[in-house]
Structure formats: C-alpha cells, structure tokens
C-alpha cells in the first residue's frame, strides 16, 4: 500500500535528518513509526454473547397455559368483594 502524506519542507528536512541519525532510510523510519502506532492500539475485545430473554428465564420452566391462568384467576377472585368490611 502506498500512502501520501503532505509535509512542509522543514518537516521533510527533519524527517531526513532523523533517518540519517538512526542510519536508516526515510521509508524504514516511517514504517517503524507506523508499526509502533499500530501496535500501541489495543485490539478490540470480542463481546461476550448475551442471553436472550427466553434463555435468561429458561430455568423457570414452561409458562402456564391459558387454561391454567383462567383457573387461577377464578380461584383468586371467587370470594372477592363478598367478605364484609370490619
């Protein structure tokens, strides 16, 4: 891959001087800098799979049927309002 980075004349001269001081080419110096930047960024951590609502409640067993719900309601409200208020 080839990248173009616009630099001023002073920036270019500084870059060439740094490369010469280290005894490497400008390309090698830039490659080292880019690899250092790449390696310093943390790799994204994979997300933990989340449970669906059904999976989170699976330990509770199957839901009551419509008939069971109707039966429970009729039992709960069989004497509702018939007891005297004390």
C-alpha atoms as a PDB file:
ATOM      1  CA  UNK A   1       0.000   0.000   0.000  1.00  0.00           C
ATOM      2  CA  UNK A   2       1.268   3.466  -0.794  1.00  0.00           C
ATOM      3  CA  UNK A   3       0.278   6.467   1.276  1.00  0.00           C
ATOM      4  CA  UNK A   4       0.956  10.123   0.553  1.00  0.00           C
ATOM      5  CA  UNK A   5       1.494  12.459   3.482  1.00  0.00           C
ATOM      6  CA  UNK A   6       1.822  16.161   2.757  1.00  0.00           C
ATOM      7  CA  UNK A   7       4.779  17.605   4.690  1.00  0.00           C
ATOM      8  CA  UNK A   8       6.316  21.042   4.706  1.00  0.00           C
ATOM      9  CA  UNK A   9       9.907  21.497   3.575  1.00  0.00           C
ATOM     10  CA  UNK A  10      11.041  21.857   7.199  1.00  0.00           C
ATOM     11  CA  UNK A  11       9.200  18.676   8.212  1.00  0.00           C
ATOM     12  CA  UNK A  12      10.797  16.785   5.326  1.00  0.00           C
ATOM     13  CA  UNK A  13      14.259  18.004   6.295  1.00  0.00           C
ATOM     14  CA  UNK A  14      13.702  16.985   9.917  1.00  0.00           C
ATOM     15  CA  UNK A  15      12.499  13.562   8.822  1.00  0.00           C
ATOM     16  CA  UNK A  16      15.541  13.028   6.582  1.00  0.00           C
ATOM     17  CA  UNK A  17      17.859  14.179   9.388  1.00  0.00           C
ATOM     18  CA  UNK A  18      16.234  11.759  11.860  1.00  0.00           C
ATOM     19  CA  UNK A  19      16.573   8.876   9.379  1.00  0.00           C
ATOM     20  CA  UNK A  20      20.275   9.672   8.787  1.00  0.00           C
ATOM     21  CA  UNK A  21      20.909   9.963  12.530  1.00  0.00           C
ATOM     22  CA  UNK A  22      19.464   6.482  13.021  1.00  0.00           C
ATOM     23  CA  UNK A  23      21.267   5.104   9.976  1.00  0.00           C
ATOM     24  CA  UNK A  24      18.088   4.018   8.181  1.00  0.00           C
ATOM     25  CA  UNK A  25      16.140   5.144   5.153  1.00  0.00           C
ATOM     26  CA  UNK A  26      13.205   7.507   5.459  1.00  0.00           C
ATOM     27  CA  UNK A  27      10.886   4.669   4.417  1.00  0.00           C
ATOM     28  CA  UNK A  28      12.219   2.436   7.194  1.00  0.00           C
ATOM     29  CA  UNK A  29      11.895   5.204   9.770  1.00  0.00           C
ATOM     30  CA  UNK A  30       8.295   5.884   8.759  1.00  0.00           C
ATOM     31  CA  UNK A  31       7.467   2.182   8.706  1.00  0.00           C
ATOM     32  CA  UNK A  32       8.784   1.805  12.268  1.00  0.00           C
ATOM     33  CA  UNK A  33       6.701   4.778  13.394  1.00  0.00           C
ATOM     34  CA  UNK A  34       3.553   3.442  11.755  1.00  0.00           C
ATOM     35  CA  UNK A  35       4.073  -0.056  13.192  1.00  0.00           C
ATOM     36  CA  UNK A  36       4.572   1.442  16.643  1.00  0.00           C
ATOM     37  CA  UNK A  37       1.288   3.328  16.304  1.00  0.00           C
ATOM     38  CA  UNK A  38      -0.500   0.198  15.107  1.00  0.00           C
ATOM     39  CA  UNK A  39       0.879  -1.982  17.892  1.00  0.00           C
ATOM     40  CA  UNK A  40       0.041   0.557  20.598  1.00  0.00           C
ATOM     41  CA  UNK A  41      -3.660   0.482  19.804  1.00  0.00           C
ATOM     42  CA  UNK A  42      -5.476  -2.192  21.730  1.00  0.00           C
ATOM     43  CA  UNK A  43      -7.161  -4.911  19.772  1.00  0.00           C
ATOM     44  CA  UNK A  44     -10.913  -4.810  20.297  1.00  0.00           C
ATOM     45  CA  UNK A  45     -12.046  -7.417  22.794  1.00  0.00           C
ATOM     46  CA  UNK A  46     -14.644  -9.835  21.484  1.00  0.00           C
ATOM     47  CA  UNK A  47     -18.028  -9.247  23.045  1.00  0.00           C
ATOM     48  CA  UNK A  48     -19.469 -11.863  25.331  1.00  0.00           C
ATOM     49  CA  UNK A  49     -22.564 -13.446  23.870  1.00  0.00           C
ATOM     50  CA  UNK A  50     -25.648 -12.237  25.663  1.00  0.00           C
ATOM     51  CA  UNK A  51     -28.549 -14.421  26.633  1.00  0.00           C
ATOM     52  CA  UNK A  52     -31.891 -13.774  25.050  1.00  0.00           C
ATOM     53  CA  UNK A  53     -34.829 -13.116  27.349  1.00  0.00           C
ATOM     54  CA  UNK A  54     -36.019 -16.637  26.766  1.00  0.00           C
ATOM     55  CA  UNK A  55     -32.590 -18.056  27.586  1.00  0.00           C
ATOM     56  CA  UNK A  56     -32.310 -15.976  30.770  1.00  0.00           C
ATOM     57  CA  UNK A  57     -35.655 -17.297  32.031  1.00  0.00           C
ATOM     58  CA  UNK A  58     -35.276 -20.902  30.836  1.00  0.00           C
ATOM     59  CA  UNK A  59     -34.559 -22.157  34.360  1.00  0.00           C
ATOM     60  CA  UNK A  60     -38.136 -21.217  35.341  1.00  0.00           C
ATOM     61  CA  UNK A  61     -39.632 -23.853  33.067  1.00  0.00           C
ATOM     62  CA  UNK A  62     -42.565 -23.529  30.680  1.00  0.00           C
ATOM     63  CA  UNK A  63     -45.137 -20.780  31.139  1.00  0.00           C
ATOM     64  CA  UNK A  64     -48.604 -21.647  32.403  1.00  0.00           C
ATOM     65  CA  UNK A  65     -51.226 -22.294  29.761  1.00  0.00           C
ATOM     66  CA  UNK A  66     -54.200 -20.006  29.193  1.00  0.00           C
ATOM     67  CA  UNK A  67     -56.461 -22.531  30.909  1.00  0.00           C
ATOM     68  CA  UNK A  68     -54.229 -22.629  33.995  1.00  0.00           C
ATOM     69  CA  UNK A  69     -54.212 -18.826  34.162  1.00  0.00           C
ATOM     70  CA  UNK A  70     -58.016 -18.665  33.899  1.00  0.00           C
ATOM     71  CA  UNK A  71     -58.374 -21.295  36.620  1.00  0.00           C
ATOM     72  CA  UNK A  72     -56.017 -19.409  38.959  1.00  0.00           C
ATOM     73  CA  UNK A  73     -57.913 -16.162  38.384  1.00  0.00           C
ATOM     74  CA  UNK A  74     -61.253 -17.729  39.130  1.00  0.00           C
ATOM     75  CA  UNK A  75     -59.858 -19.245  42.366  1.00  0.00           C
ATOM     76  CA  UNK A  76     -58.284 -15.938  43.451  1.00  0.00           C
ATOM     77  CA  UNK A  77     -61.374 -13.861  42.833  1.00  0.00           C
ATOM     78  CA  UNK A  78     -64.014 -16.408  43.894  1.00  0.00           C
ATOM     79  CA  UNK A  79     -64.781 -14.556  47.143  1.00  0.00           C
ATOM     80  CA  UNK A  80     -63.616 -11.095  46.122  1.00  0.00           C
ATOM     81  CA  UNK A  81     -65.932  -8.417  47.461  1.00  0.00           C
ATOM     82  CA  UNK A  82     -68.149 -10.856  49.327  1.00  0.00           C
ATOM     83  CA  UNK A  83     -66.446 -10.605  52.706  1.00  0.00           C
ATOM     84  CA  UNK A  84     -67.773  -7.872  54.939  1.00  0.00           C
ATOM     85  CA  UNK A  85     -65.598  -4.941  55.820  1.00  0.00           C
ATOM     86  CA  UNK A  86     -64.778  -4.960  59.510  1.00  0.00           C
END
